[in-house]
Amino acid sequence: MKLTAENIKENYLILIIKLLIVCLFIFLLTHGILKIIEHYNVSIGNSENKLTDYFYIITTNSYLRPSIILLIPIVGIFTNKKIGWILIQSYFYFLITNLVFPATQIDLTDNTLILINIIGFLLLLLIIILMNKNKIRNLTYGIKKNELISKNIIASIIGISTTIILVMIKNNLI
């Protein structure tokens, strides 16, 4: 996709979604690296083998896990084929399942938390609906209307599976 003014005007929705993913990736990667450095400075300090200490912090903590998961849609951004659409879409399904599962355990008297969860869910649902529009799915990624259900099922399975794998990792089941 060329970055001309006419092309940007025609494909502004997918460009905004892609830019959102890239900005989120950069933010989470920077945040994770800063947390690793802070962890190193607080707990380990000055040791002789800094590289081993950093590697130990990276492997025992989950500071980089969000940015690693964001590699799934990043690969999809640079692939303007059906698999790219599936990877981007699967990330939003992942976010929805990651938002819904903890929301089942919130206190129903906390209206602010309920409102934040509803707004987050609706924004993610809006992005999924925008990704399913003809302008994005067919013209950019070549997904015809009769393939849409199967591609959405594949994307949702990938997103839900990613959530389940993360839950298993957090509970030390893997």
N, C-alpha and C. Protein backbone atom coordinates (compact mmCIF):
# COMPACT_ATOMS: atom_id res chain seq x y z
N MET A 1 0.85 -1.16 0.00
CA MET A 1 0.00 0.00 0.00
C MET A 1 0.90 1.24 0.00
N LYS A 2 0.74 2.04 -1.04
CA LYS A 2 1.54 3.26 -1.15
C LYS A 2 0.94 4.34 -0.26
N LEU A 3 1.81 5.19 0.28
CA LEU A 3 1.35 6.27 1.14
C LEU A 3 1.20 7.55 0.33
N THR A 4 0.19 7.58 -0.51
CA THR A 4 -0.14 8.79 -1.24
C THR A 4 -1.37 9.42 -0.59
N ALA A 5 -1.62 10.68 -0.91
CA ALA A 5 -2.75 11.37 -0.30
C ALA A 5 -4.07 10.70 -0.68
N GLU A 6 -4.18 10.25 -1.92
CA GLU A 6 -5.41 9.59 -2.37
C GLU A 6 -5.60 8.24 -1.67
N ASN A 7 -4.52 7.51 -1.52
CA ASN A 7 -4.59 6.20 -0.87
C ASN A 7 -4.91 6.35 0.62
N ILE A 8 -4.35 7.37 1.25
CA ILE A 8 -4.65 7.61 2.66
C ILE A 8 -6.12 7.97 2.84
N LYS A 9 -6.67 8.78 1.91
CA LYS A 9 -8.07 9.15 1.98
C LYS A 9 -8.99 7.95 1.84
N GLU A 10 -8.61 7.01 0.97
CA GLU A 10 -9.45 5.84 0.74
C GLU A 10 -9.32 4.81 1.87
N ASN A 11 -8.15 4.69 2.46
CA ASN A 11 -7.88 3.63 3.43
C ASN A 11 -7.57 4.17 4.82
N TYR A 12 -8.16 5.26 5.20
CA TYR A 12 -7.82 5.88 6.48
C TYR A 12 -8.20 5.00 7.68
N LEU A 13 -9.26 4.21 7.56
CA LEU A 13 -9.68 3.37 8.70
C LEU A 13 -8.63 2.32 9.04
N ILE A 14 -8.16 1.60 8.04
CA ILE A 14 -7.16 0.57 8.31
C ILE A 14 -5.83 1.19 8.72
N LEU A 15 -5.51 2.36 8.18
CA LEU A 15 -4.28 3.04 8.58
C LEU A 15 -4.34 3.48 10.04
N ILE A 16 -5.50 3.93 10.49
CA ILE A 16 -5.65 4.33 11.89
C ILE A 16 -5.52 3.10 12.80
N ILE A 17 -6.13 1.99 12.41
CA ILE A 17 -6.04 0.77 13.21
C ILE A 17 -4.59 0.28 13.26
N LYS A 18 -3.91 0.30 12.12
CA LYS A 18 -2.51 -0.13 12.09
C LYS A 18 -1.62 0.80 12.92
N LEU A 19 -1.86 2.09 12.82
CA LEU A 19 -1.08 3.06 13.60
C LEU A 19 -1.34 2.88 15.09
N LEU A 20 -2.56 2.58 15.47
CA LEU A 20 -2.89 2.31 16.87
C LEU A 20 -2.11 1.10 17.38
N ILE A 21 -2.03 0.05 16.58
CA ILE A 21 -1.31 -1.16 16.99
C ILE A 21 0.19 -0.87 17.12
N VAL A 22 0.76 -0.15 16.16
CA VAL A 22 2.19 0.17 16.21
C VAL A 22 2.52 1.05 17.41
N CYS A 23 1.68 2.06 17.66
CA CYS A 23 1.92 2.93 18.83
C CYS A 23 1.80 2.15 20.13
N LEU A 24 0.83 1.27 20.21
CA LEU A 24 0.67 0.44 21.40
C LEU A 24 1.88 -0.47 21.59
N PHE A 25 2.39 -1.03 20.49
CA PHE A 25 3.57 -1.89 20.57
C PHE A 25 4.79 -1.11 21.07
N ILE A 26 5.01 0.08 20.53
CA ILE A 26 6.15 0.90 20.95
C ILE A 26 6.02 1.29 22.42
N PHE A 27 4.82 1.69 22.82
CA PHE A 27 4.60 2.06 24.22
C PHE A 27 4.85 0.89 25.16
N LEU A 28 4.29 -0.29 24.84
CA LEU A 28 4.44 -1.45 25.72
C LEU A 28 5.87 -1.97 25.74
N LEU A 29 6.56 -1.90 24.62
CA LEU A 29 7.96 -2.33 24.58
C LEU A 29 8.82 -1.39 25.42
N THR A 30 8.61 -0.09 25.28
CA THR A 30 9.35 0.88 26.08
C THR A 30 9.04 0.71 27.56
N HIS A 31 7.77 0.54 27.88
CA HIS A 31 7.36 0.35 29.28
C HIS A 31 8.00 -0.90 29.86
N GLY A 32 8.00 -1.99 29.09
CA GLY A 32 8.60 -3.24 29.56
C GLY A 32 10.09 -3.12 29.80
N ILE A 33 10.78 -2.44 28.89
CA ILE A 33 12.23 -2.26 29.05
C ILE A 33 12.52 -1.39 30.27
N LEU A 34 11.74 -0.34 30.47
CA LEU A 34 11.94 0.51 31.65
C LEU A 34 11.67 -0.27 32.94
N LYS A 35 10.67 -1.14 32.94
CA LYS A 35 10.40 -1.96 34.12
C LYS A 35 11.55 -2.94 34.40
N ILE A 36 12.14 -3.50 33.34
CA ILE A 36 13.28 -4.40 33.51
C ILE A 36 14.47 -3.65 34.10
N ILE A 37 14.74 -2.46 33.59
CA ILE A 37 15.85 -1.65 34.10
C ILE A 37 15.60 -1.27 35.55
N GLU A 38 14.38 -0.87 35.86
CA GLU A 38 14.04 -0.51 37.24
C GLU A 38 14.18 -1.72 38.17
N HIS A 39 13.72 -2.88 37.72
CA HIS A 39 13.85 -4.10 38.51
C HIS A 39 15.32 -4.43 38.75
N TYR A 40 16.13 -4.26 37.73
CA TYR A 40 17.57 -4.53 37.86
C TYR A 40 18.20 -3.58 38.87
N ASN A 41 17.88 -2.30 38.77
CA ASN A 41 18.47 -1.31 39.67
C ASN A 41 18.03 -1.50 41.12
N VAL A 42 16.80 -1.92 41.32
CA VAL A 42 16.29 -2.08 42.68
C VAL A 42 16.77 -3.38 43.32
N SER A 43 16.66 -4.46 42.61
CA SER A 43 16.90 -5.74 43.26
C SER A 43 18.31 -6.28 43.09
N ILE A 44 18.89 -6.09 41.93
CA ILE A 44 20.19 -6.73 41.70
C ILE A 44 21.34 -5.75 41.88
N GLY A 45 21.17 -4.54 41.36
CA GLY A 45 22.21 -3.53 41.55
C GLY A 45 23.42 -3.78 40.67
N ASN A 46 24.58 -3.62 41.23
CA ASN A 46 25.82 -3.76 40.46
C ASN A 46 26.40 -5.15 40.67
N SER A 47 26.26 -5.97 39.68
CA SER A 47 26.88 -7.29 39.73
C SER A 47 27.89 -7.39 38.59
N GLU A 48 28.60 -8.47 38.56
CA GLU A 48 29.65 -8.61 37.58
C GLU A 48 29.12 -9.00 36.21
N ASN A 49 28.07 -9.80 36.17
CA ASN A 49 27.55 -10.26 34.90
C ASN A 49 26.16 -9.66 34.66
N LYS A 50 26.12 -8.46 34.11
CA LYS A 50 24.87 -7.75 33.93
C LYS A 50 23.96 -8.42 32.91
N LEU A 51 24.55 -8.96 31.85
CA LEU A 51 23.74 -9.59 30.82
C LEU A 51 22.96 -10.79 31.37
N THR A 52 23.61 -11.58 32.18
CA THR A 52 22.94 -12.73 32.80
C THR A 52 21.83 -12.25 33.74
N ASP A 53 22.08 -11.18 34.47
CA ASP A 53 21.06 -10.64 35.37
C ASP A 53 19.85 -10.13 34.60
N TYR A 54 20.10 -9.41 33.50
CA TYR A 54 18.98 -8.94 32.68
C TYR A 54 18.20 -10.10 32.08
N PHE A 55 18.91 -11.11 31.62
CA PHE A 55 18.24 -12.28 31.06
C PHE A 55 17.40 -12.99 32.12
N TYR A 56 17.91 -13.06 33.33
CA TYR A 56 17.16 -13.67 34.43
C TYR A 56 15.88 -12.88 34.71
N ILE A 57 15.97 -11.56 34.72
CA ILE A 57 14.79 -10.73 34.97
C ILE A 57 13.77 -10.90 33.85
N ILE A 58 14.25 -10.94 32.60
CA ILE A 58 13.34 -11.07 31.47
C ILE A 58 12.61 -12.41 31.51
N THR A 59 13.31 -13.48 31.86
CA THR A 59 12.69 -14.80 31.84
C THR A 59 11.82 -15.08 33.05
N THR A 60 12.09 -14.45 34.18
CA THR A 60 11.29 -14.75 35.37
C THR A 60 10.12 -13.80 35.57
N ASN A 61 10.11 -12.68 34.88
CA ASN A 61 9.01 -11.71 35.00
C ASN A 61 8.32 -11.55 33.66
N SER A 62 7.17 -10.94 33.69
CA SER A 62 6.37 -10.81 32.46
C SER A 62 6.34 -9.37 31.94
N TYR A 63 7.44 -8.66 32.06
CA TYR A 63 7.46 -7.27 31.63
C TYR A 63 7.33 -7.12 30.12
N LEU A 64 7.86 -8.05 29.37
CA LEU A 64 7.82 -7.96 27.91
C LEU A 64 6.70 -8.79 27.29
N ARG A 65 5.93 -9.48 28.09
CA ARG A 65 4.87 -10.34 27.57
C ARG A 65 3.85 -9.59 26.71
N PRO A 66 3.37 -8.40 27.12
CA PRO A 66 2.40 -7.70 26.26
C PRO A 66 2.98 -7.32 24.89
N SER A 67 4.23 -6.91 24.86
CA SER A 67 4.81 -6.54 23.57
C SER A 67 5.09 -7.77 22.71
N ILE A 68 5.37 -8.91 23.34
CA ILE A 68 5.56 -10.14 22.58
C ILE A 68 4.24 -10.58 21.97
N ILE A 69 3.15 -10.45 22.72
CA ILE A 69 1.83 -10.81 22.18
C ILE A 69 1.45 -9.86 21.06
N LEU A 70 1.87 -8.61 21.15
CA LEU A 70 1.57 -7.64 20.10
C LEU A 70 2.33 -7.92 18.82
N LEU A 71 3.28 -8.83 18.85
CA LEU A 71 3.97 -9.21 17.61
C LEU A 71 3.01 -9.92 16.65
N ILE A 72 1.95 -10.52 17.17
CA ILE A 72 0.97 -11.19 16.31
C ILE A 72 0.33 -10.19 15.34
N PRO A 73 -0.27 -9.09 15.82
CA PRO A 73 -0.83 -8.15 14.84
C PRO A 73 0.23 -7.34 14.09
N ILE A 74 1.43 -7.19 14.67
CA ILE A 74 2.49 -6.47 13.95
C ILE A 74 2.85 -7.24 12.68
N VAL A 75 2.93 -8.56 12.77
CA VAL A 75 3.18 -9.38 11.58
C VAL A 75 2.02 -9.20 10.60
N GLY A 76 0.79 -9.13 11.12
CA GLY A 76 -0.37 -8.93 10.27
C GLY A 76 -0.38 -7.58 9.59
N ILE A 77 0.19 -6.58 10.21
CA ILE A 77 0.24 -5.24 9.61
C ILE A 77 1.07 -5.26 8.33
N PHE A 78 2.16 -5.99 8.36
CA PHE A 78 3.07 -6.00 7.22
C PHE A 78 2.71 -7.07 6.19
N THR A 79 1.60 -7.77 6.41
CA THR A 79 1.13 -8.78 5.46
C THR A 79 -0.25 -8.36 4.99
N ASN A 80 -0.35 -7.79 3.80
CA ASN A 80 -1.65 -7.37 3.28
C ASN A 80 -2.32 -8.51 2.52
N LYS A 81 -2.39 -9.65 3.19
CA LYS A 81 -3.09 -10.81 2.64
C LYS A 81 -4.09 -11.26 3.68
N LYS A 82 -4.78 -12.36 3.40
CA LYS A 82 -5.81 -12.85 4.31
C LYS A 82 -5.23 -13.17 5.68
N ILE A 83 -4.03 -13.73 5.72
CA ILE A 83 -3.42 -14.08 7.01
C ILE A 83 -3.14 -12.83 7.84
N GLY A 84 -2.80 -11.72 7.19
CA GLY A 84 -2.59 -10.46 7.90
C GLY A 84 -3.86 -9.98 8.58
N TRP A 85 -4.98 -10.07 7.86
CA TRP A 85 -6.26 -9.67 8.43
C TRP A 85 -6.61 -10.56 9.61
N ILE A 86 -6.38 -11.87 9.47
CA ILE A 86 -6.68 -12.81 10.55
C ILE A 86 -5.84 -12.50 11.78
N LEU A 87 -4.56 -12.20 11.60
CA LEU A 87 -3.69 -11.92 12.74
C LEU A 87 -4.08 -10.63 13.46
N ILE A 88 -4.41 -9.60 12.69
CA ILE A 88 -4.85 -8.34 13.31
C ILE A 88 -6.18 -8.55 14.04
N GLN A 89 -7.10 -9.22 13.39
CA GLN A 89 -8.41 -9.47 13.98
C GLN A 89 -8.29 -10.35 15.23
N SER A 90 -7.39 -11.32 15.20
CA SER A 90 -7.25 -12.22 16.35
C SER A 90 -6.76 -11.45 17.58
N TYR A 91 -5.96 -10.41 17.36
CA TYR A 91 -5.51 -9.61 18.51
C TYR A 91 -6.69 -8.90 19.19
N PHE A 92 -7.62 -8.41 18.41
CA PHE A 92 -8.77 -7.74 19.01
C PHE A 92 -9.70 -8.73 19.70
N TYR A 93 -9.81 -9.94 19.16
CA TYR A 93 -10.55 -10.98 19.88
C TYR A 93 -9.84 -11.34 21.18
N PHE A 94 -8.52 -11.37 21.14
CA PHE A 94 -7.73 -11.62 22.35
C PHE A 94 -8.02 -10.54 23.40
N LEU A 95 -8.03 -9.28 22.97
CA LEU A 95 -8.30 -8.20 23.92
C LEU A 95 -9.70 -8.30 24.51
N ILE A 96 -10.67 -8.68 23.69
CA ILE A 96 -12.04 -8.82 24.21
C ILE A 96 -12.10 -9.93 25.24
N THR A 97 -11.51 -11.09 24.95
CA THR A 97 -11.56 -12.18 25.93
C THR A 97 -10.77 -11.83 27.17
N ASN A 98 -9.69 -11.08 27.00
CA ASN A 98 -8.89 -10.65 28.14
C ASN A 98 -9.64 -9.63 28.99
N LEU A 99 -10.57 -8.92 28.39
CA LEU A 99 -11.37 -7.93 29.12
C LEU A 99 -12.58 -8.59 29.77
N VAL A 100 -13.18 -9.56 29.09
CA VAL A 100 -14.41 -10.17 29.58
C VAL A 100 -14.17 -11.10 30.76
N PHE A 101 -13.14 -11.92 30.71
CA PHE A 101 -12.91 -12.88 31.79
C PHE A 101 -12.72 -12.22 33.16
N PRO A 102 -11.88 -11.20 33.30
CA PRO A 102 -11.80 -10.54 34.61
C PRO A 102 -13.05 -9.75 34.96
N ALA A 103 -13.80 -9.32 33.96
CA ALA A 103 -15.01 -8.53 34.22
C ALA A 103 -16.10 -9.37 34.87
N THR A 104 -16.01 -10.69 34.76
CA THR A 104 -17.02 -11.54 35.40
C THR A 104 -16.85 -11.58 36.91
N GLN A 105 -15.71 -11.12 37.40
CA GLN A 105 -15.45 -11.17 38.83
C GLN A 105 -15.43 -9.79 39.49
N ILE A 106 -15.88 -8.75 38.76
CA ILE A 106 -15.87 -7.41 39.36
C ILE A 106 -17.07 -7.23 40.28
N ASP A 107 -16.94 -6.29 41.16
CA ASP A 107 -18.01 -5.95 42.10
C ASP A 107 -19.10 -5.20 41.34
N LEU A 108 -20.31 -5.68 41.39
CA LEU A 108 -21.40 -5.07 40.63
C LEU A 108 -21.87 -3.75 41.21
N THR A 109 -21.35 -3.37 42.37
CA THR A 109 -21.72 -2.07 42.93
C THR A 109 -20.75 -0.97 42.50
N ASP A 110 -19.64 -1.33 41.88
CA ASP A 110 -18.66 -0.35 41.42
C ASP A 110 -19.03 0.09 40.00
N ASN A 111 -19.80 1.16 39.92
CA ASN A 111 -20.31 1.63 38.63
C ASN A 111 -19.21 2.12 37.70
N THR A 112 -18.17 2.71 38.24
CA THR A 112 -17.08 3.21 37.41
C THR A 112 -16.36 2.08 36.69
N LEU A 113 -16.06 1.02 37.40
CA LEU A 113 -15.39 -0.13 36.80
C LEU A 113 -16.27 -0.80 35.76
N ILE A 114 -17.55 -0.89 36.03
CA ILE A 114 -18.48 -1.47 35.06
C ILE A 114 -18.52 -0.61 33.80
N LEU A 115 -18.57 0.70 33.97
CA LEU A 115 -18.62 1.62 32.84
C LEU A 115 -17.34 1.53 32.01
N ILE A 116 -16.20 1.45 32.65
CA ILE A 116 -14.93 1.34 31.93
C ILE A 116 -14.88 0.05 31.13
N ASN A 117 -15.34 -1.06 31.72
CA ASN A 117 -15.36 -2.33 31.00
C ASN A 117 -16.31 -2.29 29.82
N ILE A 118 -17.47 -1.66 29.99
CA ILE A 118 -18.43 -1.57 28.88
C ILE A 118 -17.86 -0.72 27.76
N ILE A 119 -17.24 0.42 28.09
CA ILE A 119 -16.66 1.28 27.07
C ILE A 119 -15.52 0.56 26.34
N GLY A 120 -14.67 -0.12 27.08
CA GLY A 120 -13.58 -0.88 26.46
C GLY A 120 -14.10 -1.96 25.54
N PHE A 121 -15.12 -2.69 25.99
CA PHE A 121 -15.71 -3.74 25.18
C PHE A 121 -16.32 -3.17 23.91
N LEU A 122 -17.04 -2.05 24.03
CA LEU A 122 -17.67 -1.44 22.86
C LEU A 122 -16.64 -0.90 21.86
N LEU A 123 -15.55 -0.33 22.37
CA LEU A 123 -14.49 0.15 21.46
C LEU A 123 -13.84 -1.00 20.70
N LEU A 124 -13.57 -2.09 21.39
CA LEU A 124 -12.99 -3.26 20.73
C LEU A 124 -13.97 -3.86 19.72
N LEU A 125 -15.24 -3.90 20.09
CA LEU A 125 -16.25 -4.40 19.17
C LEU A 125 -16.37 -3.50 17.94
N LEU A 126 -16.25 -2.18 18.13
CA LEU A 126 -16.28 -1.25 17.01
C LEU A 126 -15.10 -1.49 16.06
N ILE A 127 -13.93 -1.74 16.61
CA ILE A 127 -12.77 -2.02 15.75
C ILE A 127 -12.97 -3.31 14.98
N ILE A 128 -13.53 -4.33 15.62
CA ILE A 128 -13.80 -5.59 14.93
C ILE A 128 -14.81 -5.37 13.81
N ILE A 129 -15.84 -4.59 14.07
CA ILE A 129 -16.84 -4.30 13.03
C ILE A 129 -16.19 -3.52 11.89
N LEU A 130 -15.34 -2.55 12.20
CA LEU A 130 -14.65 -1.80 11.14
C LEU A 130 -13.75 -2.70 10.30
N MET A 131 -13.09 -3.65 10.96
CA MET A 131 -12.23 -4.59 10.21
C MET A 131 -13.05 -5.49 9.29
N ASN A 132 -14.34 -5.67 9.60
CA ASN A 132 -15.20 -6.51 8.78
C ASN A 132 -15.90 -5.75 7.66
N LYS A 133 -15.68 -4.44 7.60
CA LYS A 133 -16.29 -3.65 6.53
C LYS A 133 -15.69 -4.04 5.19
N ASN A 134 -16.48 -3.92 4.14
CA ASN A 134 -16.06 -4.29 2.80
C ASN A 134 -14.81 -3.55 2.36
N LYS A 135 -14.71 -2.29 2.74
CA LYS A 135 -13.58 -1.48 2.34
C LYS A 135 -12.26 -2.04 2.86
N ILE A 136 -12.27 -2.59 4.05
CA ILE A 136 -11.04 -3.13 4.63
C ILE A 136 -10.87 -4.59 4.26
N ARG A 137 -11.88 -5.41 4.53
CA ARG A 137 -11.68 -6.85 4.37
C ARG A 137 -11.55 -7.27 2.92
N ASN A 138 -12.30 -6.67 2.02
CA ASN A 138 -12.28 -7.10 0.62
C ASN A 138 -11.26 -6.33 -0.20
N LEU A 139 -11.29 -5.02 -0.11
CA LEU A 139 -10.42 -4.22 -0.97
C LEU A 139 -8.96 -4.26 -0.53
N THR A 140 -8.70 -4.32 0.77
CA THR A 140 -7.32 -4.33 1.25
C THR A 140 -6.78 -5.75 1.38
N TYR A 141 -7.58 -6.65 1.92
CA TYR A 141 -7.08 -7.99 2.24
C TYR A 141 -7.64 -9.08 1.32
N GLY A 142 -8.59 -8.78 0.48
CA GLY A 142 -9.11 -9.75 -0.48
C GLY A 142 -9.99 -10.84 0.13
N ILE A 143 -10.67 -10.53 1.21
CA ILE A 143 -11.55 -11.51 1.84
C ILE A 143 -12.97 -11.24 1.35
N LYS A 144 -13.52 -12.23 0.66
CA LYS A 144 -14.87 -12.08 0.13
C LYS A 144 -15.89 -12.33 1.23
N LYS A 145 -17.13 -11.91 0.97
CA LYS A 145 -18.18 -12.00 1.99
C LYS A 145 -18.46 -13.45 2.40
N ASN A 146 -18.36 -14.40 1.45
CA ASN A 146 -18.64 -15.79 1.79
C ASN A 146 -17.51 -16.42 2.61
N GLU A 147 -16.34 -15.80 2.67
CA GLU A 147 -15.22 -16.30 3.48
C GLU A 147 -15.18 -15.65 4.87
N LEU A 148 -15.99 -14.63 5.07
CA LEU A 148 -15.88 -13.80 6.27
C LEU A 148 -16.13 -14.58 7.56
N ILE A 149 -17.13 -15.42 7.59
CA ILE A 149 -17.45 -16.16 8.82
C ILE A 149 -16.31 -17.09 9.19
N SER A 150 -15.78 -17.81 8.21
CA SER A 150 -14.70 -18.76 8.51
C SER A 150 -13.44 -18.03 8.97
N LYS A 151 -13.13 -16.89 8.38
CA LYS A 151 -11.95 -16.13 8.78
C LYS A 151 -12.13 -15.54 10.19
N ASN A 152 -13.35 -15.09 10.51
CA ASN A 152 -13.62 -14.58 11.86
C ASN A 152 -13.54 -15.70 12.89
N ILE A 153 -13.98 -16.89 12.53
CA ILE A 153 -13.89 -18.03 13.45
C ILE A 153 -12.43 -18.37 13.71
N ILE A 154 -11.62 -18.38 12.66
CA ILE A 154 -10.19 -18.66 12.82
C ILE A 154 -9.54 -17.60 13.70
N ALA A 155 -9.86 -16.33 13.45
CA ALA A 155 -9.28 -15.24 14.24
C ALA A 155 -9.72 -15.33 15.70
N SER A 156 -10.99 -15.65 15.93
CA SER A 156 -11.46 -15.75 17.32
C SER A 156 -10.83 -16.94 18.03
N ILE A 157 -10.62 -18.04 17.33
CA ILE A 157 -9.96 -19.20 17.95
C ILE A 157 -8.53 -18.84 18.33
N ILE A 158 -7.83 -18.13 17.46
CA ILE A 158 -6.45 -17.72 17.78
C ILE A 158 -6.45 -16.78 18.98
N GLY A 159 -7.36 -15.80 19.01
CA GLY A 159 -7.43 -14.85 20.12
C GLY A 159 -7.79 -15.51 21.44
N ILE A 160 -8.78 -16.38 21.41
CA ILE A 160 -9.19 -17.06 22.64
C ILE A 160 -8.11 -18.02 23.11
N SER A 161 -7.46 -18.71 22.16
CA SER A 161 -6.37 -19.63 22.52
C SER A 161 -5.22 -18.89 23.17
N THR A 162 -4.92 -17.70 22.66
CA THR A 162 -3.85 -16.90 23.25
C THR A 162 -4.19 -16.53 24.69
N THR A 163 -5.44 -16.17 24.93
CA THR A 163 -5.87 -15.85 26.29
C THR A 163 -5.75 -17.07 27.20
N ILE A 164 -6.19 -18.22 26.72
CA ILE A 164 -6.13 -19.44 27.52
C ILE A 164 -4.68 -19.81 27.83
N ILE A 165 -3.81 -19.69 26.84
CA ILE A 165 -2.39 -20.00 27.05
C ILE A 165 -1.79 -19.06 28.09
N LEU A 166 -2.14 -17.77 28.03
CA LEU A 166 -1.63 -16.82 29.03
C LEU A 166 -2.13 -17.15 30.43
N VAL A 167 -3.39 -17.54 30.55
CA VAL A 167 -3.92 -17.91 31.86
C VAL A 167 -3.18 -19.13 32.38
N MET A 168 -2.90 -20.08 31.52
CA MET A 168 -2.18 -21.29 31.94
C MET A 168 -0.75 -20.94 32.36
N ILE A 169 -0.11 -20.01 31.66
CA ILE A 169 1.24 -19.58 32.02
C ILE A 169 1.23 -18.87 33.36
N LYS A 170 0.25 -17.99 33.56
CA LYS A 170 0.17 -17.26 34.83
C LYS A 170 -0.07 -18.18 36.02
N ASN A 171 -0.80 -19.25 35.79
CA ASN A 171 -1.09 -20.20 36.87
C ASN A 171 -0.08 -21.34 36.93
N ASN A 172 1.02 -21.20 36.24
CA ASN A 172 2.11 -22.18 36.20
C ASN A 172 1.64 -23.57 35.79
N LEU A 173 0.71 -23.63 34.85
CA LEU A 173 0.26 -24.91 34.33
C LEU A 173 1.05 -25.33 33.10
N ILE A 174 1.81 -24.41 32.55
CA ILE A 174 2.67 -24.72 31.40
C ILE A 174 4.10 -24.60 31.81
